[in-house]
C-alpha atoms as a PDB file:
ATOM      1  CA  MET A   1     -52.167  18.467 -94.773  1.00  0.00           C
ATOM      2  CA  ASN A   2     -48.577  17.429 -95.426  1.00  0.00           C
ATOM      3  CA  THR A   3     -47.392  20.107 -92.983  1.00  0.00           C
ATOM      4  CA  ILE A   4     -49.617  18.701 -90.219  1.00  0.00           C
ATOM      5  CA  LYS A   5     -48.401  15.162 -90.890  1.00  0.00           C
ATOM      6  CA  LYS A   6     -44.795  16.365 -90.722  1.00  0.00           C
ATOM      7  CA  LEU A   7     -45.441  18.169 -87.430  1.00  0.00           C
ATOM      8  CA  VAL A   8     -47.145  15.107 -85.931  1.00  0.00           C
ATOM      9  CA  LEU A   9     -44.351  12.836 -87.138  1.00  0.00           C
ATOM     10  CA  THR A  10     -41.707  15.226 -85.795  1.00  0.00           C
ATOM     11  CA  GLY A  11     -43.524  15.330 -82.437  1.00  0.00           C
ATOM     12  CA  LEU A  12     -43.751  11.551 -82.280  1.00  0.00           C
ATOM     13  CA  LEU A  13     -40.069  11.147 -83.098  1.00  0.00           C
ATOM     14  CA  ALA A  14     -39.156  13.702 -80.423  1.00  0.00           C
ATOM     15  CA  ALA A  15     -41.309  11.857 -77.867  1.00  0.00           C
ATOM     16  CA  ILE A  16     -39.709   8.527 -78.768  1.00  0.00           C
ATOM     17  CA  GLY A  17     -36.259  10.078 -78.487  1.00  0.00           C
ATOM     18  CA  ALA A  18     -37.081  11.569 -75.081  1.00  0.00           C
ATOM     19  CA  ALA A  19     -38.453   8.216 -73.889  1.00  0.00           C
ATOM     20  CA  SER A  20     -35.276   6.459 -75.061  1.00  0.00           C
ATOM     21  CA  ALA A  21     -33.089   9.000 -73.256  1.00  0.00           C
ATOM     22  CA  TYR A  22     -35.125   8.518 -70.069  1.00  0.00           C
ATOM     23  CA  ALA A  23     -34.910   4.737 -70.340  1.00  0.00           C
ATOM     24  CA  GLN A  24     -31.127   4.962 -70.502  1.00  0.00           C
ATOM     25  CA  GLN A  25     -31.062   6.975 -67.248  1.00  0.00           C
ATOM     26  CA  ARG A  26     -33.198   4.681 -65.116  1.00  0.00           C
ATOM     27  CA  PRO A  27     -31.217   2.930 -62.400  1.00  0.00           C
ATOM     28  CA  GLY A  28     -30.014  -0.620 -62.872  1.00  0.00           C
ATOM     29  CA  ALA A  29     -30.506  -1.139 -59.140  1.00  0.00           C
ATOM     30  CA  VAL A  30     -31.897   0.701 -56.127  1.00  0.00           C
ATOM     31  CA  VAL A  31     -30.467  -0.010 -52.671  1.00  0.00           C
ATOM     32  CA  LEU A  32     -32.305   1.147 -49.560  1.00  0.00           C
ATOM     33  CA  MET A  33     -30.560   2.117 -46.334  1.00  0.00           C
ATOM     34  CA  THR A  34     -32.976   0.719 -43.752  1.00  0.00           C
ATOM     35  CA  GLU A  35     -33.910   1.419 -40.160  1.00  0.00           C
ATOM     36  CA  SER A  36     -32.324  -1.904 -39.218  1.00  0.00           C
ATOM     37  CA  GLY A  37     -28.923  -0.600 -40.361  1.00  0.00           C
ATOM     38  CA  THR A  38     -28.649  -2.654 -43.528  1.00  0.00           C
ATOM     39  CA  PHE A  39     -28.423  -2.189 -47.262  1.00  0.00           C
ATOM     40  CA  GLU A  40     -31.465  -3.799 -48.920  1.00  0.00           C
ATOM     41  CA  PRO A  41     -30.872  -5.703 -51.046  1.00  0.00           C
ATOM     42  CA  GLN A  42     -27.388  -6.522 -49.850  1.00  0.00           C
ATOM     43  CA  THR A  43     -26.373  -7.761 -53.303  1.00  0.00           C
ATOM     44  CA  VAL A  44     -27.364  -6.138 -56.591  1.00  0.00           C
ATOM     45  CA  TYR A  45     -26.707  -7.422 -60.107  1.00  0.00           C
ATOM     46  CA  VAL A  46     -26.005  -4.839 -62.801  1.00  0.00           C
ATOM     47  CA  ALA A  47     -24.415  -4.419 -66.219  1.00  0.00           C
ATOM     48  CA  PRO A  48     -21.531  -2.114 -67.145  1.00  0.00           C
ATOM     49  CA  GLY A  49     -22.907   1.405 -67.560  1.00  0.00           C
ATOM     50  CA  ASP A  50     -25.852   0.832 -65.187  1.00  0.00           C
ATOM     51  CA  ILE A  51     -26.613   3.323 -62.445  1.00  0.00           C
ATOM     52  CA  VAL A  52     -26.888   2.145 -58.829  1.00  0.00           C
ATOM     53  CA  VAL A  53     -28.911   4.421 -56.529  1.00  0.00           C
ATOM     54  CA  TRP A  54     -28.733   4.361 -52.729  1.00  0.00           C
ATOM     55  CA  GLN A  55     -31.697   5.890 -50.853  1.00  0.00           C
ATOM     56  CA  ASN A  56     -31.369   6.697 -47.153  1.00  0.00           C
ATOM     57  CA  ASN A  57     -34.726   5.676 -45.636  1.00  0.00           C
ATOM     58  CA  ASP A  58     -33.353   5.763 -42.091  1.00  0.00           C
ATOM     59  CA  ALA A  59     -33.428   8.518 -39.456  1.00  0.00           C
ATOM     60  CA  PHE A  60     -29.622   8.204 -39.150  1.00  0.00           C
ATOM     61  CA  TRP A  61     -26.892   9.401 -41.477  1.00  0.00           C
ATOM     62  CA  HIS A  62     -25.171   6.778 -43.621  1.00  0.00           C
ATOM     63  CA  SER A  63     -22.552   6.541 -46.353  1.00  0.00           C
ATOM     64  CA  VAL A  64     -21.526   4.344 -49.262  1.00  0.00           C
ATOM     65  CA  LYS A  65     -17.801   3.636 -49.315  1.00  0.00           C
ATOM     66  CA  THR A  66     -15.993   1.142 -51.504  1.00  0.00           C
ATOM     67  CA  ASP A  67     -13.863  -1.506 -49.800  1.00  0.00           C
ATOM     68  CA  THR A  68     -11.329  -1.240 -52.624  1.00  0.00           C
ATOM     69  CA  GLN A  69      -9.617   2.140 -52.594  1.00  0.00           C
ATOM     70  CA  GLY A  70      -9.950   4.046 -55.847  1.00  0.00           C
ATOM     71  CA  PHE A  71     -12.667   1.984 -57.551  1.00  0.00           C
ATOM     72  CA  GLY A  72     -16.323   1.979 -56.663  1.00  0.00           C
ATOM     73  CA  PRO A  73     -18.989   4.142 -55.098  1.00  0.00           C
ATOM     74  CA  GLU A  74     -17.923   6.946 -52.733  1.00  0.00           C
ATOM     75  CA  SER A  75     -20.822   8.998 -51.370  1.00  0.00           C
ATOM     76  CA  ASP A  76     -18.332  11.223 -49.497  1.00  0.00           C
ATOM     77  CA  LEU A  77     -17.582  12.890 -52.836  1.00  0.00           C
ATOM     78  CA  VAL A  78     -21.113  14.342 -52.700  1.00  0.00           C
ATOM     79  CA  PHE A  79     -21.949  14.145 -48.982  1.00  0.00           C
ATOM     80  CA  ARG A  80     -18.756  14.994 -47.112  1.00  0.00           C
ATOM     81  CA  TYR A  81     -20.209  14.247 -43.667  1.00  0.00           C
ATOM     82  CA  GLY A  82     -22.539  11.427 -44.665  1.00  0.00           C
ATOM     83  CA  MET A  83     -25.905  11.079 -46.330  1.00  0.00           C
ATOM     84  CA  PRO A  84     -28.691  12.714 -44.324  1.00  0.00           C
ATOM     85  CA  PRO A  85     -32.086  11.039 -43.969  1.00  0.00           C
ATOM     86  CA  SER A  86     -34.206  11.040 -47.166  1.00  0.00           C
ATOM     87  CA  SER A  87     -31.192  11.713 -49.388  1.00  0.00           C
ATOM     88  CA  TYR A  88     -29.957   9.599 -52.253  1.00  0.00           C
ATOM     89  CA  TYR A  89     -26.648   8.990 -53.987  1.00  0.00           C
ATOM     90  CA  TRP A  90     -26.005   7.401 -57.376  1.00  0.00           C
ATOM     91  CA  TRP A  91     -22.967   5.844 -59.026  1.00  0.00           C
ATOM     92  CA  ARG A  92     -22.552   4.624 -62.595  1.00  0.00           C
ATOM     93  CA  VAL A  93     -20.746   1.327 -63.086  1.00  0.00           C
ATOM     94  CA  PRO A  94     -17.921   2.142 -65.527  1.00  0.00           C
ATOM     95  CA  PHE A  95     -18.634   0.908 -69.051  1.00  0.00           C
ATOM     96  CA  ASN A  96     -15.287  -0.936 -69.143  1.00  0.00           C
ATOM     97  CA  THR A  97     -15.996  -2.980 -65.977  1.00  0.00           C
ATOM     98  CA  ARG A  98     -15.544  -6.685 -66.700  1.00  0.00           C
ATOM     99  CA  SER A  99     -18.377  -9.126 -66.349  1.00  0.00           C
ATOM    100  CA  GLY A 100     -17.942 -11.098 -63.132  1.00  0.00           C
ATOM    101  CA  SER A 101     -16.442  -8.151 -61.234  1.00  0.00           C
ATOM    102  CA  VAL A 102     -17.633  -7.777 -57.644  1.00  0.00           C
ATOM    103  CA  ILE A 103     -17.498  -4.434 -55.871  1.00  0.00           C
ATOM    104  CA  TYR A 104     -17.849  -4.559 -52.093  1.00  0.00           C
ATOM    105  CA  TYR A 105     -18.889  -1.496 -50.112  1.00  0.00           C
ATOM    106  CA  HIS A 106     -19.854  -0.474 -46.580  1.00  0.00           C
ATOM    107  CA  CYS A 107     -21.258   2.393 -44.518  1.00  0.00           C
ATOM    108  CA  LYS A 108     -18.355   4.217 -42.859  1.00  0.00           C
ATOM    109  CA  PHE A 109     -20.487   4.815 -39.734  1.00  0.00           C
ATOM    110  CA  HIS A 110     -22.078   1.382 -39.311  1.00  0.00           C
ATOM    111  CA  GLY A 111     -19.915  -1.075 -41.235  1.00  0.00           C
ATOM    112  CA  VAL A 112     -16.356  -2.325 -41.514  1.00  0.00           C
ATOM    113  CA  PRO A 113     -14.741  -2.999 -44.902  1.00  0.00           C
ATOM    114  CA  GLY A 114     -13.972  -6.542 -45.926  1.00  0.00           C
ATOM    115  CA  SER A 115     -11.089  -7.855 -47.956  1.00  0.00           C
ATOM    116  CA  GLY A 116     -12.866  -6.999 -51.197  1.00  0.00           C
ATOM    117  CA  GLN A 117     -12.056 -10.467 -52.536  1.00  0.00           C
ATOM    118  CA  GLY A 118     -14.065 -13.657 -52.807  1.00  0.00           C
ATOM    119  CA  TYR A 119     -17.646 -14.403 -51.876  1.00  0.00           C
ATOM    120  CA  THR A 120     -17.236 -15.608 -48.298  1.00  0.00           C
ATOM    121  CA  TYR A 121     -14.392 -13.389 -47.135  1.00  0.00           C
ATOM    122  CA  GLY A 122     -15.214 -10.339 -49.256  1.00  0.00           C
ATOM    123  CA  TYR A 123     -17.909  -8.919 -46.996  1.00  0.00           C
ATOM    124  CA  GLY A 124     -16.980  -6.743 -44.100  1.00  0.00           C
ATOM    125  CA  PHE A 125     -18.988  -6.553 -40.886  1.00  0.00           C
ATOM    126  CA  GLY A 126     -22.173  -4.616 -40.164  1.00  0.00           C
ATOM    127  CA  MET A 127     -23.752  -2.438 -42.843  1.00  0.00           C
ATOM    128  CA  VAL A 128     -22.172  -3.905 -45.973  1.00  0.00           C
ATOM    129  CA  GLY A 129     -23.143  -4.732 -49.545  1.00  0.00           C
ATOM    130  CA  ARG A 130     -21.855  -5.742 -52.940  1.00  0.00           C
ATOM    131  CA  ILE A 131     -22.399  -5.003 -56.597  1.00  0.00           C
ATOM    132  CA  VAL A 132     -22.026  -7.928 -59.017  1.00  0.00           C
ATOM    133  CA  VAL A 133     -21.390  -6.940 -62.632  1.00  0.00           C
ATOM    134  CA  GLN A 134     -22.914  -9.360 -65.139  1.00  0.00           C
END
């Protein structure tokens, strides 16, 4: 009987561990690329270490490109010529990103980068979005 209890307990602990690992991998935010040529939602709020996922729900190819060179999401690293329809791209917010940081991004085909600074003047034009780190 003790052997059965140990096996059940071991199985339960393994299941809890697997559930915890899965919970840590779930996205902090999901952004859809829509038929209207927008990122929905345009603004997402995440914590350092969260994963942001972009899903292309459009019939056209899109991309995710940071407005600030060298820091932020870059779908071209995975999809050199853009994200085809029904594809997705994910990016993990670095764990050392400061609370209050704002990361602006755009689609290289349908958007123009902004200044990357400030709320009003940070957005570019067209298919644009931002990630706010809390």
